[in-house]
Amino acid sequence: MKNEKVILITGGCSGIGLDCAMSYINDKAFVILVDMDTSKGMDLEKKYEGQVKYYDCDVSCEDRVKEIF
């Protein structure tokens, strides 16, 4: 992986989470977005190809969170 920083953000497709994600993206970090907004998440993954990975996940579902890791 070419980026030294890897950041995982839950709720990263809107609000404060998105603001944080954009800050890290602008800082050239690799950002993993975990959110339930599939449309927005996939758009961000496509727009920042190679720098953003999106996972559709409800973090209140322990089994789904385990699948990501």
PDB file of N, CA and C in Angstrom:
ATOM      1  N   MET A   1       0.859  -1.170   0.000  1.00  0.00           N
ATOM      2  CA  MET A   1       0.000   0.000   0.000  1.00  0.00           C
ATOM      3  C   MET A   1       0.902   1.229   0.000  1.00  0.00           C
ATOM      4  N   LYS A   2       0.635   2.154  -0.891  1.00  0.00           N
ATOM      5  CA  LYS A   2       1.500   3.316  -1.045  1.00  0.00           C
ATOM      6  C   LYS A   2       1.295   4.379   0.027  1.00  0.00           C
ATOM      7  N   ASN A   3       0.132   4.409   0.651  1.00  0.00           N
ATOM      8  CA  ASN A   3      -0.154   5.423   1.668  1.00  0.00           C
ATOM      9  C   ASN A   3       0.299   4.919   3.028  1.00  0.00           C
ATOM     10  N   GLU A   4       0.922   5.786   3.804  1.00  0.00           N
ATOM     11  CA  GLU A   4       1.391   5.392   5.116  1.00  0.00           C
ATOM     12  C   GLU A   4       0.282   5.381   6.153  1.00  0.00           C
ATOM     13  N   LYS A   5      -0.684   6.283   6.029  1.00  0.00           N
ATOM     14  CA  LYS A   5      -1.782   6.357   6.991  1.00  0.00           C
ATOM     15  C   LYS A   5      -2.981   5.575   6.471  1.00  0.00           C
ATOM     16  N   VAL A   6      -3.552   4.748   7.338  1.00  0.00           N
ATOM     17  CA  VAL A   6      -4.798   4.050   7.033  1.00  0.00           C
ATOM     18  C   VAL A   6      -5.793   4.441   8.113  1.00  0.00           C
ATOM     19  N   ILE A   7      -6.904   5.032   7.688  1.00  0.00           N
ATOM     20  CA  ILE A   7      -7.898   5.553   8.610  1.00  0.00           C
ATOM     21  C   ILE A   7      -9.228   4.862   8.359  1.00  0.00           C
ATOM     22  N   LEU A   8      -9.889   4.379   9.420  1.00  0.00           N
ATOM     23  CA  LEU A   8     -11.224   3.806   9.316  1.00  0.00           C
ATOM     24  C   LEU A   8     -12.192   4.762  10.006  1.00  0.00           C
ATOM     25  N   ILE A   9     -13.245   5.151   9.271  1.00  0.00           N
ATOM     26  CA  ILE A   9     -14.222   6.085   9.815  1.00  0.00           C
ATOM     27  C   ILE A   9     -15.618   5.486   9.708  1.00  0.00           C
ATOM     28  N   THR A  10     -16.285   5.332  10.861  1.00  0.00           N
ATOM     29  CA  THR A  10     -17.681   4.908  10.846  1.00  0.00           C
ATOM     30  C   THR A  10     -18.538   6.151  10.656  1.00  0.00           C
ATOM     31  N   GLY A  11     -19.609   6.011   9.891  1.00  0.00           N
ATOM     32  CA  GLY A  11     -20.453   7.162   9.599  1.00  0.00           C
ATOM     33  C   GLY A  11     -19.720   8.159   8.708  1.00  0.00           C
ATOM     34  N   GLY A  12     -18.851   7.637   7.847  1.00  0.00           N
ATOM     35  CA  GLY A  12     -17.979   8.494   7.056  1.00  0.00           C
ATOM     36  C   GLY A  12     -18.570   9.063   5.785  1.00  0.00           C
ATOM     37  N   CYS A  13     -19.844   8.835   5.535  1.00  0.00           N
ATOM     38  CA  CYS A  13     -20.451   9.310   4.282  1.00  0.00           C
ATOM     39  C   CYS A  13     -21.251  10.594   4.440  1.00  0.00           C
ATOM     40  N   SER A  14     -21.320  11.115   5.655  1.00  0.00           N
ATOM     41  CA  SER A  14     -22.063  12.360   5.858  1.00  0.00           C
ATOM     42  C   SER A  14     -21.606  13.029   7.147  1.00  0.00           C
ATOM     43  N   GLY A  15     -21.981  14.287   7.284  1.00  0.00           N
ATOM     44  CA  GLY A  15     -21.752  15.033   8.521  1.00  0.00           C
ATOM     45  C   GLY A  15     -20.292  15.103   8.937  1.00  0.00           C
ATOM     46  N   ILE A  16     -20.072  14.991  10.246  1.00  0.00           N
ATOM     47  CA  ILE A  16     -18.723  15.089  10.800  1.00  0.00           C
ATOM     48  C   ILE A  16     -17.827  13.982  10.259  1.00  0.00           C
ATOM     49  N   GLY A  17     -18.388  12.787  10.089  1.00  0.00           N
ATOM     50  CA  GLY A  17     -17.600  11.679   9.549  1.00  0.00           C
ATOM     51  C   GLY A  17     -17.064  11.982   8.165  1.00  0.00           C
ATOM     52  N   LEU A  18     -17.900  12.562   7.314  1.00  0.00           N
ATOM     53  CA  LEU A  18     -17.462  12.929   5.972  1.00  0.00           C
ATOM     54  C   LEU A  18     -16.423  14.043   6.025  1.00  0.00           C
ATOM     55  N   ASP A  19     -16.632  15.011   6.901  1.00  0.00           N
ATOM     56  CA  ASP A  19     -15.640  16.088   7.057  1.00  0.00           C
ATOM     57  C   ASP A  19     -14.281  15.519   7.463  1.00  0.00           C
ATOM     58  N   CYS A  20     -14.286  14.589   8.394  1.00  0.00           N
ATOM     59  CA  CYS A  20     -13.042  13.940   8.811  1.00  0.00           C
ATOM     60  C   CYS A  20     -12.419  13.160   7.656  1.00  0.00           C
ATOM     61  N   ALA A  21     -13.262  12.402   6.944  1.00  0.00           N
ATOM     62  CA  ALA A  21     -12.767  11.615   5.808  1.00  0.00           C
ATOM     63  C   ALA A  21     -12.112  12.516   4.764  1.00  0.00           C
ATOM     64  N   MET A  22     -12.752  13.618   4.444  1.00  0.00           N
ATOM     65  CA  MET A  22     -12.206  14.523   3.427  1.00  0.00           C
ATOM     66  C   MET A  22     -10.878  15.126   3.888  1.00  0.00           C
ATOM     67  N   SER A  23     -10.765  15.419   5.157  1.00  0.00           N
ATOM     68  CA  SER A  23      -9.514  15.942   5.690  1.00  0.00           C
ATOM     69  C   SER A  23      -8.387  14.929   5.507  1.00  0.00           C
ATOM     70  N   TYR A  24      -8.654  13.668   5.831  1.00  0.00           N
ATOM     71  CA  TYR A  24      -7.646  12.621   5.665  1.00  0.00           C
ATOM     72  C   TYR A  24      -7.364  12.342   4.189  1.00  0.00           C
ATOM     73  N   ILE A  25      -8.389  12.365   3.360  1.00  0.00           N
ATOM     74  CA  ILE A  25      -8.196  12.174   1.917  1.00  0.00           C
ATOM     75  C   ILE A  25      -7.282  13.271   1.385  1.00  0.00           C
ATOM     76  N   ASN A  26      -7.539  14.502   1.776  1.00  0.00           N
ATOM     77  CA  ASN A  26      -6.700  15.618   1.330  1.00  0.00           C
ATOM     78  C   ASN A  26      -5.270  15.509   1.844  1.00  0.00           C
ATOM     79  N   ASP A  27      -5.105  14.775   2.958  1.00  0.00           N
ATOM     80  CA  ASP A  27      -3.780  14.549   3.536  1.00  0.00           C
ATOM     81  C   ASP A  27      -3.123  13.300   2.947  1.00  0.00           C
ATOM     82  N   LYS A  28      -3.750  12.734   1.917  1.00  0.00           N
ATOM     83  CA  LYS A  28      -3.232  11.565   1.181  1.00  0.00           C
ATOM     84  C   LYS A  28      -3.251  10.257   1.955  1.00  0.00           C
ATOM     85  N   ALA A  29      -4.090  10.163   2.984  1.00  0.00           N
ATOM     86  CA  ALA A  29      -4.251   8.908   3.720  1.00  0.00           C
ATOM     87  C   ALA A  29      -5.160   7.968   2.931  1.00  0.00           C
ATOM     88  N   PHE A  30      -5.063   6.670   3.210  1.00  0.00           N
ATOM     89  CA  PHE A  30      -6.006   5.687   2.679  1.00  0.00           C
ATOM     90  C   PHE A  30      -7.151   5.625   3.675  1.00  0.00           C
ATOM     91  N   VAL A  31      -8.382   5.861   3.207  1.00  0.00           N
ATOM     92  CA  VAL A  31      -9.538   5.985   4.097  1.00  0.00           C
ATOM     93  C   VAL A  31     -10.526   4.852   3.851  1.00  0.00           C
ATOM     94  N   ILE A  32     -10.886   4.166   4.924  1.00  0.00           N
ATOM     95  CA  ILE A  32     -11.910   3.123   4.882  1.00  0.00           C
ATOM     96  C   ILE A  32     -13.176   3.723   5.470  1.00  0.00           C
ATOM     97  N   LEU A  33     -14.215   3.776   4.660  1.00  0.00           N
ATOM     98  CA  LEU A  33     -15.501   4.322   5.090  1.00  0.00           C
ATOM     99  C   LEU A  33     -16.442   3.180   5.433  1.00  0.00           C
ATOM    100  N   VAL A  34     -17.026   3.227   6.605  1.00  0.00           N
ATOM    101  CA  VAL A  34     -18.013   2.251   7.049  1.00  0.00           C
ATOM    102  C   VAL A  34     -19.297   3.024   7.319  1.00  0.00           C
ATOM    103  N   ASP A  35     -20.341   2.718   6.541  1.00  0.00           N
ATOM    104  CA  ASP A  35     -21.572   3.498   6.617  1.00  0.00           C
ATOM    105  C   ASP A  35     -22.694   2.676   6.000  1.00  0.00           C
ATOM    106  N   MET A  36     -23.923   3.140   6.158  1.00  0.00           N
ATOM    107  CA  MET A  36     -25.069   2.458   5.558  1.00  0.00           C
ATOM    108  C   MET A  36     -25.581   3.176   4.313  1.00  0.00           C
ATOM    109  N   ASP A  37     -24.955   4.274   3.928  1.00  0.00           N
ATOM    110  CA  ASP A  37     -25.351   5.023   2.733  1.00  0.00           C
ATOM    111  C   ASP A  37     -24.561   4.493   1.540  1.00  0.00           C
ATOM    112  N   THR A  38     -25.038   3.387   0.977  1.00  0.00           N
ATOM    113  CA  THR A  38     -24.318   2.698  -0.090  1.00  0.00           C
ATOM    114  C   THR A  38     -24.070   3.592  -1.292  1.00  0.00           C
ATOM    115  N   SER A  39     -25.051   4.357  -1.696  1.00  0.00           N
ATOM    116  CA  SER A  39     -24.908   5.216  -2.870  1.00  0.00           C
ATOM    117  C   SER A  39     -23.767   6.218  -2.675  1.00  0.00           C
ATOM    118  N   LYS A  40     -23.781   6.914  -1.567  1.00  0.00           N
ATOM    119  CA  LYS A  40     -22.749   7.914  -1.276  1.00  0.00           C
ATOM    120  C   LYS A  40     -21.386   7.243  -1.103  1.00  0.00           C
ATOM    121  N   GLY A  41     -21.360   6.117  -0.401  1.00  0.00           N
ATOM    122  CA  GLY A  41     -20.100   5.397  -0.180  1.00  0.00           C
ATOM    123  C   GLY A  41     -19.469   4.937  -1.473  1.00  0.00           C
ATOM    124  N   MET A  42     -20.279   4.381  -2.365  1.00  0.00           N
ATOM    125  CA  MET A  42     -19.749   3.912  -3.652  1.00  0.00           C
ATOM    126  C   MET A  42     -19.297   5.085  -4.514  1.00  0.00           C
ATOM    127  N   ASP A  43     -20.023   6.203  -4.442  1.00  0.00           N
ATOM    128  CA  ASP A  43     -19.613   7.408  -5.179  1.00  0.00           C
ATOM    129  C   ASP A  43     -18.247   7.895  -4.697  1.00  0.00           C
ATOM    130  N   LEU A  44     -18.056   7.920  -3.386  1.00  0.00           N
ATOM    131  CA  LEU A  44     -16.774   8.356  -2.836  1.00  0.00           C
ATOM    132  C   LEU A  44     -15.650   7.401  -3.200  1.00  0.00           C
ATOM    133  N   GLU A  45     -15.932   6.100  -3.142  1.00  0.00           N
ATOM    134  CA  GLU A  45     -14.926   5.097  -3.510  1.00  0.00           C
ATOM    135  C   GLU A  45     -14.519   5.266  -4.973  1.00  0.00           C
ATOM    136  N   LYS A  46     -15.489   5.510  -5.829  1.00  0.00           N
ATOM    137  CA  LYS A  46     -15.195   5.697  -7.255  1.00  0.00           C
ATOM    138  C   LYS A  46     -14.432   7.004  -7.501  1.00  0.00           C
ATOM    139  N   LYS A  47     -14.861   8.072  -6.850  1.00  0.00           N
ATOM    140  CA  LYS A  47     -14.228   9.385  -7.041  1.00  0.00           C
ATOM    141  C   LYS A  47     -12.774   9.378  -6.581  1.00  0.00           C
ATOM    142  N   TYR A  48     -12.492   8.691  -5.483  1.00  0.00           N
ATOM    143  CA  TYR A  48     -11.146   8.656  -4.914  1.00  0.00           C
ATOM    144  C   TYR A  48     -10.547   7.258  -5.047  1.00  0.00           C
ATOM    145  N   GLU A  49     -10.686   6.686  -6.229  1.00  0.00           N
ATOM    146  CA  GLU A  49     -10.233   5.325  -6.516  1.00  0.00           C
ATOM    147  C   GLU A  49      -8.783   5.122  -6.065  1.00  0.00           C
ATOM    148  N   GLY A  50      -8.577   4.046  -5.330  1.00  0.00           N
ATOM    149  CA  GLY A  50      -7.249   3.729  -4.840  1.00  0.00           C
ATOM    150  C   GLY A  50      -6.912   4.388  -3.513  1.00  0.00           C
ATOM    151  N   GLN A  51      -7.766   5.308  -3.077  1.00  0.00           N
ATOM    152  CA  GLN A  51      -7.525   6.009  -1.816  1.00  0.00           C
ATOM    153  C   GLN A  51      -8.656   5.801  -0.812  1.00  0.00           C
ATOM    154  N   VAL A  52      -9.829   5.375  -1.303  1.00  0.00           N
ATOM    155  CA  VAL A  52     -10.997   5.159  -0.444  1.00  0.00           C
ATOM    156  C   VAL A  52     -11.573   3.773  -0.707  1.00  0.00           C
ATOM    157  N   LYS A  53     -11.897   3.071   0.356  1.00  0.00           N
ATOM    158  CA  LYS A  53     -12.612   1.798   0.278  1.00  0.00           C
ATOM    159  C   LYS A  53     -13.865   1.938   1.123  1.00  0.00           C
ATOM    160  N   TYR A  54     -15.018   1.567   0.547  1.00  0.00           N
ATOM    161  CA  TYR A  54     -16.299   1.680   1.247  1.00  0.00           C
ATOM    162  C   TYR A  54     -16.821   0.297   1.632  1.00  0.00           C
ATOM    163  N   TYR A  55     -17.346   0.185   2.850  1.00  0.00           N
ATOM    164  CA  TYR A  55     -18.041  -1.015   3.308  1.00  0.00           C
ATOM    165  C   TYR A  55     -19.423  -0.616   3.816  1.00  0.00           C
ATOM    166  N   ASP A  56     -20.443  -1.274   3.296  1.00  0.00           N
ATOM    167  CA  ASP A  56     -21.804  -1.077   3.771  1.00  0.00           C
ATOM    168  C   ASP A  56     -21.939  -1.841   5.082  1.00  0.00           C
ATOM    169  N   CYS A  57     -22.242  -1.134   6.154  1.00  0.00           N
ATOM    170  CA  CYS A  57     -22.293  -1.797   7.453  1.00  0.00           C
ATOM    171  C   CYS A  57     -23.088  -0.985   8.459  1.00  0.00           C
ATOM    172  N   ASP A  58     -23.935  -1.674   9.200  1.00  0.00           N
ATOM    173  CA  ASP A  58     -24.600  -1.130  10.376  1.00  0.00           C
ATOM    174  C   ASP A  58     -23.735  -1.565  11.558  1.00  0.00           C
ATOM    175  N   VAL A  59     -23.011  -0.629  12.167  1.00  0.00           N
ATOM    176  CA  VAL A  59     -22.060  -0.996  13.215  1.00  0.00           C
ATOM    177  C   VAL A  59     -22.730  -1.543  14.472  1.00  0.00           C
ATOM    178  N   SER A  60     -24.047  -1.470  14.559  1.00  0.00           N
ATOM    179  CA  SER A  60     -24.735  -2.088  15.692  1.00  0.00           C
ATOM    180  C   SER A  60     -24.911  -3.596  15.482  1.00  0.00           C
ATOM    181  N   CYS A  61     -24.546  -4.077  14.292  1.00  0.00           N
ATOM    182  CA  CYS A  61     -24.637  -5.508  13.972  1.00  0.00           C
ATOM    183  C   CYS A  61     -23.237  -6.128  14.090  1.00  0.00           C
ATOM    184  N   GLU A  62     -22.981  -6.754  15.215  1.00  0.00           N
ATOM    185  CA  GLU A  62     -21.644  -7.287  15.521  1.00  0.00           C
ATOM    186  C   GLU A  62     -21.133  -8.249  14.452  1.00  0.00           C
ATOM    187  N   ASP A  63     -21.988  -9.117  13.929  1.00  0.00           N
ATOM    188  CA  ASP A  63     -21.549 -10.078  12.911  1.00  0.00           C
ATOM    189  C   ASP A  63     -21.071  -9.375  11.647  1.00  0.00           C
ATOM    190  N   ARG A  64     -21.754  -8.319  11.247  1.00  0.00           N
ATOM    191  CA  ARG A  64     -21.356  -7.579  10.044  1.00  0.00           C
ATOM    192  C   ARG A  64     -20.020  -6.871  10.263  1.00  0.00           C
ATOM    193  N   VAL A  65     -19.821  -6.308  11.437  1.00  0.00           N
ATOM    194  CA  VAL A  65     -18.562  -5.648  11.750  1.00  0.00           C
ATOM    195  C   VAL A  65     -17.416  -6.661  11.688  1.00  0.00           C
ATOM    196  N   LYS A  66     -17.624  -7.851  12.220  1.00  0.00           N
ATOM    197  CA  LYS A  66     -16.601  -8.912  12.186  1.00  0.00           C
ATOM    198  C   LYS A  66     -16.252  -9.286  10.753  1.00  0.00           C
ATOM    199  N   GLU A  67     -17.229  -9.281   9.856  1.00  0.00           N
ATOM    200  CA  GLU A  67     -16.969  -9.606   8.447  1.00  0.00           C
ATOM    201  C   GLU A  67     -15.987  -8.619   7.813  1.00  0.00           C
ATOM    202  N   ILE A  68     -16.079  -7.378   8.208  1.00  0.00           N
ATOM    203  CA  ILE A  68     -15.190  -6.346   7.641  1.00  0.00           C
ATOM    204  C   ILE A  68     -13.748  -6.575   8.065  1.00  0.00           C
ATOM    205  N   PHE A  69     -13.572  -7.002   9.315  1.00  0.00           N
ATOM    206  CA  PHE A  69     -12.227  -7.209   9.838  1.00  0.00           C
ATOM    207  C   PHE A  69     -11.778  -8.634   9.634  1.00  0.00           C
TER     208      PHE A  69
END
